[in-house]
Amino acid sequence: MEDATKVDEFLGLRTWRERWAGAQKKAIEFPKFLAEEFALRMESLGYLRTPLHRMKKVRTDEKNVPLYYIAMFSKHETAHELWDEVLKYGTDQQNLFE
């Protein structure tokens, strides 16, 4: 909705809707779009670039729908190296028998 401001406040800007319109045409899911937008904002504040493959996707239990991404933002590469180790042991897939 045009008058909703939560995402504006989260990102610290109001121009995201224009980029979201383009992302929708490419069938990009909103959680992915928002994660990438937030990462760009963090990079603009001096944090190291955090691409989507360095984020952990979290899904709903019931329908396995993507909800959000967890990411590490740091100004030092060592933090990213440690985060990469954490990501090795995580998966965005549900277990077969859960």
N, C-alpha and C. Protein backbone atom coordinates (compact mmCIF):
# COMPACT_ATOMS: atom_id res chain seq x y z
N MET A 1 0.84 -1.19 0.00
CA MET A 1 0.00 0.00 0.00
C MET A 1 0.88 1.24 0.00
N GLU A 2 0.50 2.21 -0.75
CA GLU A 2 1.29 3.43 -0.90
C GLU A 2 1.45 4.20 0.41
N ASP A 3 0.43 4.15 1.29
CA ASP A 3 0.52 4.93 2.52
C ASP A 3 1.16 4.15 3.67
N ALA A 4 1.50 2.87 3.47
CA ALA A 4 2.17 2.08 4.50
C ALA A 4 3.64 2.51 4.57
N THR A 5 4.16 2.68 5.77
CA THR A 5 5.51 3.23 5.92
C THR A 5 6.49 2.29 6.59
N LYS A 6 6.09 1.09 6.98
CA LYS A 6 6.99 0.18 7.71
C LYS A 6 8.25 -0.13 6.91
N VAL A 7 8.11 -0.47 5.65
CA VAL A 7 9.29 -0.79 4.84
C VAL A 7 10.10 0.47 4.58
N ASP A 8 9.43 1.60 4.39
CA ASP A 8 10.14 2.88 4.24
C ASP A 8 11.06 3.11 5.44
N GLU A 9 10.51 2.91 6.63
CA GLU A 9 11.27 3.13 7.86
C GLU A 9 12.38 2.10 8.01
N PHE A 10 12.10 0.85 7.65
CA PHE A 10 13.10 -0.22 7.75
C PHE A 10 14.30 0.06 6.86
N LEU A 11 14.04 0.48 5.63
CA LEU A 11 15.12 0.74 4.67
C LEU A 11 15.69 2.15 4.79
N GLY A 12 14.93 3.05 5.41
CA GLY A 12 15.39 4.42 5.52
C GLY A 12 15.24 5.21 4.23
N LEU A 13 14.33 4.77 3.36
CA LEU A 13 14.06 5.48 2.11
C LEU A 13 12.69 5.10 1.60
N ARG A 14 12.17 5.93 0.71
CA ARG A 14 10.83 5.70 0.19
C ARG A 14 10.83 5.25 -1.28
N THR A 15 11.98 5.21 -1.91
CA THR A 15 12.05 4.92 -3.34
C THR A 15 12.06 3.44 -3.68
N TRP A 16 11.97 2.58 -2.70
CA TRP A 16 12.04 1.14 -2.94
C TRP A 16 10.87 0.63 -3.77
N ARG A 17 9.73 1.27 -3.72
CA ARG A 17 8.54 0.79 -4.44
C ARG A 17 8.77 0.73 -5.95
N GLU A 18 9.53 1.67 -6.46
CA GLU A 18 9.83 1.67 -7.89
C GLU A 18 10.65 0.43 -8.27
N ARG A 19 11.64 0.10 -7.44
CA ARG A 19 12.45 -1.09 -7.70
C ARG A 19 11.64 -2.36 -7.48
N TRP A 20 10.73 -2.34 -6.51
CA TRP A 20 9.88 -3.50 -6.26
C TRP A 20 8.97 -3.78 -7.46
N ALA A 21 8.47 -2.73 -8.08
CA ALA A 21 7.62 -2.92 -9.27
C ALA A 21 8.40 -3.66 -10.36
N GLY A 22 9.65 -3.29 -10.55
CA GLY A 22 10.49 -3.98 -11.53
C GLY A 22 10.81 -5.41 -11.12
N ALA A 23 11.03 -5.62 -9.83
CA ALA A 23 11.33 -6.97 -9.32
C ALA A 23 10.12 -7.88 -9.48
N GLN A 24 8.92 -7.35 -9.27
CA GLN A 24 7.71 -8.15 -9.43
C GLN A 24 7.57 -8.66 -10.87
N LYS A 25 7.94 -7.83 -11.82
CA LYS A 25 7.86 -8.24 -13.22
C LYS A 25 8.81 -9.40 -13.52
N LYS A 26 9.87 -9.53 -12.70
CA LYS A 26 10.83 -10.62 -12.86
C LYS A 26 10.49 -11.79 -11.94
N ALA A 27 9.34 -11.74 -11.28
CA ALA A 27 8.86 -12.80 -10.37
C ALA A 27 9.79 -13.02 -9.18
N ILE A 28 10.40 -11.95 -8.69
CA ILE A 28 11.24 -12.03 -7.49
C ILE A 28 10.35 -11.96 -6.26
N GLU A 29 10.56 -12.88 -5.32
CA GLU A 29 9.75 -12.90 -4.09
C GLU A 29 10.13 -11.71 -3.22
N PHE A 30 9.15 -11.19 -2.47
CA PHE A 30 9.38 -10.01 -1.65
C PHE A 30 10.47 -10.21 -0.59
N PRO A 31 10.53 -11.36 0.12
CA PRO A 31 11.62 -11.52 1.09
C PRO A 31 13.01 -11.40 0.46
N LYS A 32 13.18 -11.95 -0.73
CA LYS A 32 14.47 -11.85 -1.43
C LYS A 32 14.75 -10.40 -1.81
N PHE A 33 13.76 -9.74 -2.36
CA PHE A 33 13.91 -8.33 -2.74
C PHE A 33 14.29 -7.49 -1.54
N LEU A 34 13.58 -7.67 -0.43
CA LEU A 34 13.83 -6.87 0.77
C LEU A 34 15.22 -7.14 1.34
N ALA A 35 15.64 -8.39 1.34
CA ALA A 35 16.98 -8.73 1.83
C ALA A 35 18.06 -8.05 1.00
N GLU A 36 17.89 -8.06 -0.31
CA GLU A 36 18.88 -7.43 -1.18
C GLU A 36 18.88 -5.90 -1.01
N GLU A 37 17.70 -5.32 -0.86
CA GLU A 37 17.61 -3.87 -0.64
C GLU A 37 18.28 -3.48 0.67
N PHE A 38 18.02 -4.26 1.72
CA PHE A 38 18.61 -3.96 3.02
C PHE A 38 20.13 -4.09 2.96
N ALA A 39 20.62 -5.11 2.27
CA ALA A 39 22.06 -5.30 2.13
C ALA A 39 22.71 -4.11 1.42
N LEU A 40 22.03 -3.59 0.41
CA LEU A 40 22.55 -2.40 -0.28
C LEU A 40 22.61 -1.20 0.66
N ARG A 41 21.60 -1.05 1.50
CA ARG A 41 21.58 0.06 2.46
C ARG A 41 22.73 -0.08 3.46
N MET A 42 22.97 -1.30 3.93
CA MET A 42 24.06 -1.53 4.88
C MET A 42 25.41 -1.24 4.21
N GLU A 43 25.55 -1.63 2.95
CA GLU A 43 26.78 -1.35 2.22
C GLU A 43 26.99 0.15 2.08
N SER A 44 25.91 0.91 1.92
CA SER A 44 26.03 2.36 1.81
C SER A 44 26.49 2.99 3.13
N LEU A 45 26.35 2.26 4.23
CA LEU A 45 26.81 2.74 5.53
C LEU A 45 28.24 2.32 5.85
N GLY A 46 28.89 1.64 4.91
CA GLY A 46 30.28 1.26 5.10
C GLY A 46 30.51 -0.19 5.48
N TYR A 47 29.44 -0.99 5.52
CA TYR A 47 29.61 -2.41 5.81
C TYR A 47 30.03 -3.12 4.54
N LEU A 48 30.70 -4.26 4.70
CA LEU A 48 31.11 -5.05 3.55
C LEU A 48 29.89 -5.56 2.80
N ARG A 49 30.05 -5.75 1.52
CA ARG A 49 28.96 -6.27 0.68
C ARG A 49 28.55 -7.65 1.19
N THR A 50 27.23 -7.86 1.31
CA THR A 50 26.70 -9.14 1.75
C THR A 50 25.71 -9.63 0.70
N PRO A 51 26.18 -10.46 -0.24
CA PRO A 51 25.28 -10.96 -1.28
C PRO A 51 24.29 -11.99 -0.73
N LEU A 52 23.26 -12.27 -1.47
CA LEU A 52 22.20 -13.17 -1.03
C LEU A 52 22.72 -14.57 -0.68
N HIS A 53 23.73 -15.06 -1.39
CA HIS A 53 24.23 -16.40 -1.09
C HIS A 53 24.93 -16.47 0.28
N ARG A 54 25.20 -15.31 0.88
CA ARG A 54 25.78 -15.27 2.23
C ARG A 54 24.70 -15.01 3.28
N MET A 55 23.45 -15.20 2.92
CA MET A 55 22.34 -15.05 3.85
C MET A 55 21.65 -16.39 4.03
N LYS A 56 20.99 -16.56 5.16
CA LYS A 56 20.27 -17.81 5.47
C LYS A 56 18.78 -17.57 5.30
N LYS A 57 18.14 -18.32 4.40
CA LYS A 57 16.71 -18.19 4.17
C LYS A 57 15.94 -18.93 5.26
N VAL A 58 14.91 -18.29 5.79
CA VAL A 58 14.02 -18.89 6.79
C VAL A 58 12.65 -19.02 6.16
N ARG A 59 12.05 -20.21 6.30
CA ARG A 59 10.76 -20.50 5.69
C ARG A 59 9.71 -20.82 6.75
N THR A 60 8.43 -20.77 6.36
CA THR A 60 7.36 -21.17 7.27
C THR A 60 7.38 -22.69 7.43
N ASP A 61 6.86 -23.15 8.55
CA ASP A 61 6.77 -24.59 8.78
C ASP A 61 5.67 -25.23 7.94
N GLU A 62 4.54 -24.56 7.85
CA GLU A 62 3.37 -25.17 7.23
C GLU A 62 3.49 -25.32 5.71
N LYS A 63 3.76 -24.23 5.04
CA LYS A 63 3.72 -24.25 3.57
C LYS A 63 5.09 -24.07 2.92
N ASN A 64 6.13 -24.01 3.73
CA ASN A 64 7.50 -23.89 3.23
C ASN A 64 7.69 -22.62 2.40
N VAL A 65 6.98 -21.56 2.77
CA VAL A 65 7.05 -20.28 2.06
C VAL A 65 8.19 -19.45 2.65
N PRO A 66 9.02 -18.81 1.82
CA PRO A 66 10.10 -17.97 2.36
C PRO A 66 9.53 -16.80 3.17
N LEU A 67 10.08 -16.60 4.38
CA LEU A 67 9.64 -15.51 5.24
C LEU A 67 10.63 -14.36 5.25
N TYR A 68 11.90 -14.69 5.50
CA TYR A 68 12.93 -13.66 5.63
C TYR A 68 14.30 -14.31 5.51
N TYR A 69 15.33 -13.48 5.52
CA TYR A 69 16.72 -13.93 5.47
C TYR A 69 17.44 -13.42 6.72
N ILE A 70 18.35 -14.23 7.22
CA ILE A 70 19.24 -13.81 8.31
C ILE A 70 20.60 -13.56 7.66
N ALA A 71 21.22 -12.45 8.03
CA ALA A 71 22.50 -12.10 7.40
C ALA A 71 23.47 -11.55 8.44
N MET A 72 24.74 -11.61 8.10
CA MET A 72 25.81 -11.04 8.92
C MET A 72 26.29 -9.78 8.20
N PHE A 73 26.30 -8.67 8.93
CA PHE A 73 26.84 -7.43 8.38
C PHE A 73 28.00 -7.01 9.25
N SER A 74 29.13 -6.79 8.64
CA SER A 74 30.33 -6.43 9.37
C SER A 74 31.21 -5.54 8.49
N LYS A 75 32.11 -4.84 9.14
CA LYS A 75 33.08 -4.02 8.43
C LYS A 75 34.43 -4.74 8.34
N HIS A 76 34.48 -5.98 8.85
CA HIS A 76 35.72 -6.75 8.84
C HIS A 76 35.47 -8.11 8.21
N GLU A 77 36.31 -8.52 7.28
CA GLU A 77 36.13 -9.77 6.54
C GLU A 77 36.14 -11.01 7.43
N THR A 78 36.83 -10.95 8.56
CA THR A 78 36.87 -12.11 9.46
C THR A 78 35.47 -12.53 9.90
N ALA A 79 34.61 -11.58 10.16
CA ALA A 79 33.23 -11.90 10.55
C ALA A 79 32.52 -12.66 9.44
N HIS A 80 32.75 -12.27 8.20
CA HIS A 80 32.13 -12.97 7.07
C HIS A 80 32.69 -14.38 6.93
N GLU A 81 33.97 -14.55 7.20
CA GLU A 81 34.56 -15.89 7.13
C GLU A 81 33.94 -16.80 8.19
N LEU A 82 33.73 -16.27 9.39
CA LEU A 82 33.08 -17.05 10.45
C LEU A 82 31.64 -17.36 10.08
N TRP A 83 30.94 -16.39 9.52
CA TRP A 83 29.55 -16.58 9.10
C TRP A 83 29.46 -17.65 8.00
N ASP A 84 30.41 -17.67 7.09
CA ASP A 84 30.44 -18.70 6.05
C ASP A 84 30.54 -20.09 6.67
N GLU A 85 31.28 -20.21 7.75
CA GLU A 85 31.38 -21.49 8.46
C GLU A 85 30.03 -21.88 9.07
N VAL A 86 29.32 -20.91 9.61
CA VAL A 86 27.99 -21.17 10.17
C VAL A 86 27.05 -21.65 9.07
N LEU A 87 27.09 -21.01 7.92
CA LEU A 87 26.19 -21.35 6.82
C LEU A 87 26.42 -22.76 6.28
N LYS A 88 27.62 -23.31 6.45
CA LYS A 88 27.91 -24.66 5.98
C LYS A 88 27.00 -25.69 6.64
N TYR A 89 26.56 -25.40 7.86
CA TYR A 89 25.79 -26.38 8.63
C TYR A 89 24.30 -26.08 8.62
N GLY A 90 23.88 -25.14 7.84
CA GLY A 90 22.46 -24.79 7.76
C GLY A 90 21.90 -25.16 6.40
N THR A 91 20.59 -25.34 6.34
CA THR A 91 19.92 -25.62 5.09
C THR A 91 18.57 -24.92 5.10
N ASP A 92 18.08 -24.53 3.96
CA ASP A 92 16.74 -23.92 3.90
C ASP A 92 15.71 -24.96 3.51
N GLN A 93 16.10 -26.22 3.49
CA GLN A 93 15.19 -27.31 3.18
C GLN A 93 14.61 -27.89 4.46
N GLN A 94 13.36 -28.32 4.41
CA GLN A 94 12.78 -29.02 5.55
C GLN A 94 13.19 -30.48 5.51
N ASN A 95 13.22 -31.12 6.69
CA ASN A 95 13.51 -32.54 6.73
C ASN A 95 12.33 -33.32 6.16
N LEU A 96 12.62 -34.44 5.54
CA LEU A 96 11.60 -35.25 4.88
C LEU A 96 10.52 -35.73 5.85
N PHE A 97 10.90 -36.10 7.08
CA PHE A 97 9.95 -36.71 8.00
C PHE A 97 9.51 -35.79 9.13
N GLU A 98 9.64 -34.51 8.98
CA GLU A 98 9.19 -33.58 10.02
C GLU A 98 7.73 -33.35 9.93
